[in-house]
Amino acid sequence: MPNVLLVATGSVAAVRTGLLAEELRAKGHAVRLVHTASASVFLNAERPLPTWLPVFTDAGEWRLWKKLGDPVQHIELRCVLRRPFLQR
């Protein structure tokens, strides 16, 4: 199953994140989401994010890491899909 990491920033187009995640999952992808604090304003504006969707934040990056050898969130996630959100 292909892995997809969605990355949402503070654009109004982030309201489509949940829909995009559902479409990708329906096509057999394992989907995860990373978002900035400013994106959180938009993520649940149109519809709630799916409850199955693992969500990571940029703030969480340093909560995991305390010393050399600890997991680093952006390395653990490994796979990044970069594509601008487009309105339909």
Protein backbone atom coordinates (compact mmCIF):
# COMPACT_ATOMS: atom_id res chain seq x y z
CA MET A 1 0.00 0.00 0.00
CA PRO A 2 1.55 3.35 -1.02
CA ASN A 3 2.18 5.84 1.79
CA VAL A 4 1.05 9.44 1.41
CA LEU A 5 1.88 12.25 3.79
CA LEU A 6 -0.33 15.28 3.27
CA VAL A 7 1.15 18.59 4.37
CA ALA A 8 -1.30 21.44 5.04
CA THR A 9 -0.31 25.04 5.58
CA GLY A 10 -2.37 28.11 6.40
CA SER A 11 -4.15 28.40 3.07
CA VAL A 12 -7.93 28.45 2.81
CA ALA A 13 -7.56 25.48 0.43
CA ALA A 14 -6.72 23.37 3.49
CA VAL A 15 -10.49 23.00 4.04
CA ARG A 16 -10.29 20.23 1.41
CA THR A 17 -7.71 18.19 3.32
CA GLY A 18 -10.20 15.72 4.80
CA LEU A 19 -11.85 15.12 1.43
CA LEU A 20 -8.48 14.58 -0.25
CA ALA A 21 -7.45 12.15 2.52
CA GLU A 22 -10.66 10.15 2.04
CA GLU A 23 -10.16 10.00 -1.75
CA LEU A 24 -6.57 8.82 -1.36
CA ARG A 25 -7.56 6.18 1.19
CA ALA A 26 -10.32 4.91 -1.11
CA LYS A 27 -7.62 4.36 -3.75
CA GLY A 28 -5.65 2.18 -1.34
CA HIS A 29 -3.16 4.68 0.06
CA ALA A 30 -2.06 4.84 3.69
CA VAL A 31 -2.57 8.53 4.50
CA ARG A 32 -1.14 10.72 7.26
CA LEU A 33 -1.37 14.46 7.78
CA VAL A 34 1.10 17.07 8.99
CA HIS A 35 -0.17 20.60 9.45
CA THR A 36 1.02 23.95 10.66
CA ALA A 37 -0.71 25.84 13.45
CA SER A 38 -2.16 28.30 10.95
CA ALA A 39 -3.69 25.44 8.93
CA SER A 40 -5.67 24.26 11.97
CA VAL A 41 -7.98 27.23 11.46
CA PHE A 42 -9.15 25.75 8.15
CA LEU A 43 -8.92 21.98 8.63
CA ASN A 44 -12.34 21.40 10.20
CA ALA A 45 -14.09 24.42 8.69
CA GLU A 46 -15.94 22.58 5.91
CA ARG A 47 -16.16 19.08 7.42
CA PRO A 48 -14.40 17.29 10.27
CA LEU A 49 -11.18 15.45 9.51
CA PRO A 50 -11.69 11.68 9.33
CA THR A 51 -11.18 10.05 12.72
CA TRP A 52 -8.94 7.38 11.18
CA LEU A 53 -6.46 9.99 9.90
CA PRO A 54 -3.19 10.15 11.89
CA VAL A 55 -2.41 13.84 12.45
CA PHE A 56 0.97 15.39 13.28
CA THR A 57 1.78 19.05 13.88
CA ASP A 58 4.90 21.09 13.42
CA ALA A 59 4.77 21.76 17.17
CA GLY A 60 4.98 18.02 17.81
CA GLU A 61 8.33 17.86 16.06
CA TRP A 62 10.26 18.71 19.23
CA ARG A 63 8.05 16.93 21.76
CA LEU A 64 9.40 13.57 20.59
CA TRP A 65 13.06 14.53 20.54
CA LYS A 66 14.95 15.02 23.80
CA LYS A 67 18.40 13.56 23.11
CA LEU A 68 20.53 12.10 20.33
CA GLY A 69 19.04 8.79 19.25
CA ASP A 70 15.42 9.75 20.02
CA PRO A 71 12.92 9.61 17.15
CA VAL A 72 12.71 12.69 14.96
CA GLN A 73 9.18 13.19 13.66
CA HIS A 74 10.02 14.44 10.16
CA ILE A 75 12.44 11.54 9.63
CA GLU A 76 10.01 8.95 11.01
CA LEU A 77 7.30 10.14 8.60
CA ARG A 78 9.72 9.81 5.62
CA CYS A 79 7.31 10.25 2.72
CA VAL A 80 6.19 13.68 1.53
CA LEU A 81 3.77 14.41 -1.29
CA ARG A 82 4.04 18.02 -2.38
CA ARG A 83 1.13 19.22 -4.42
CA PRO A 84 -0.72 22.49 -4.22
CA PHE A 85 -4.36 22.17 -3.28
CA LEU A 86 -6.57 23.03 -6.20
CA GLN A 87 -10.18 24.13 -5.99
CA ARG A 88 -12.53 22.02 -8.08
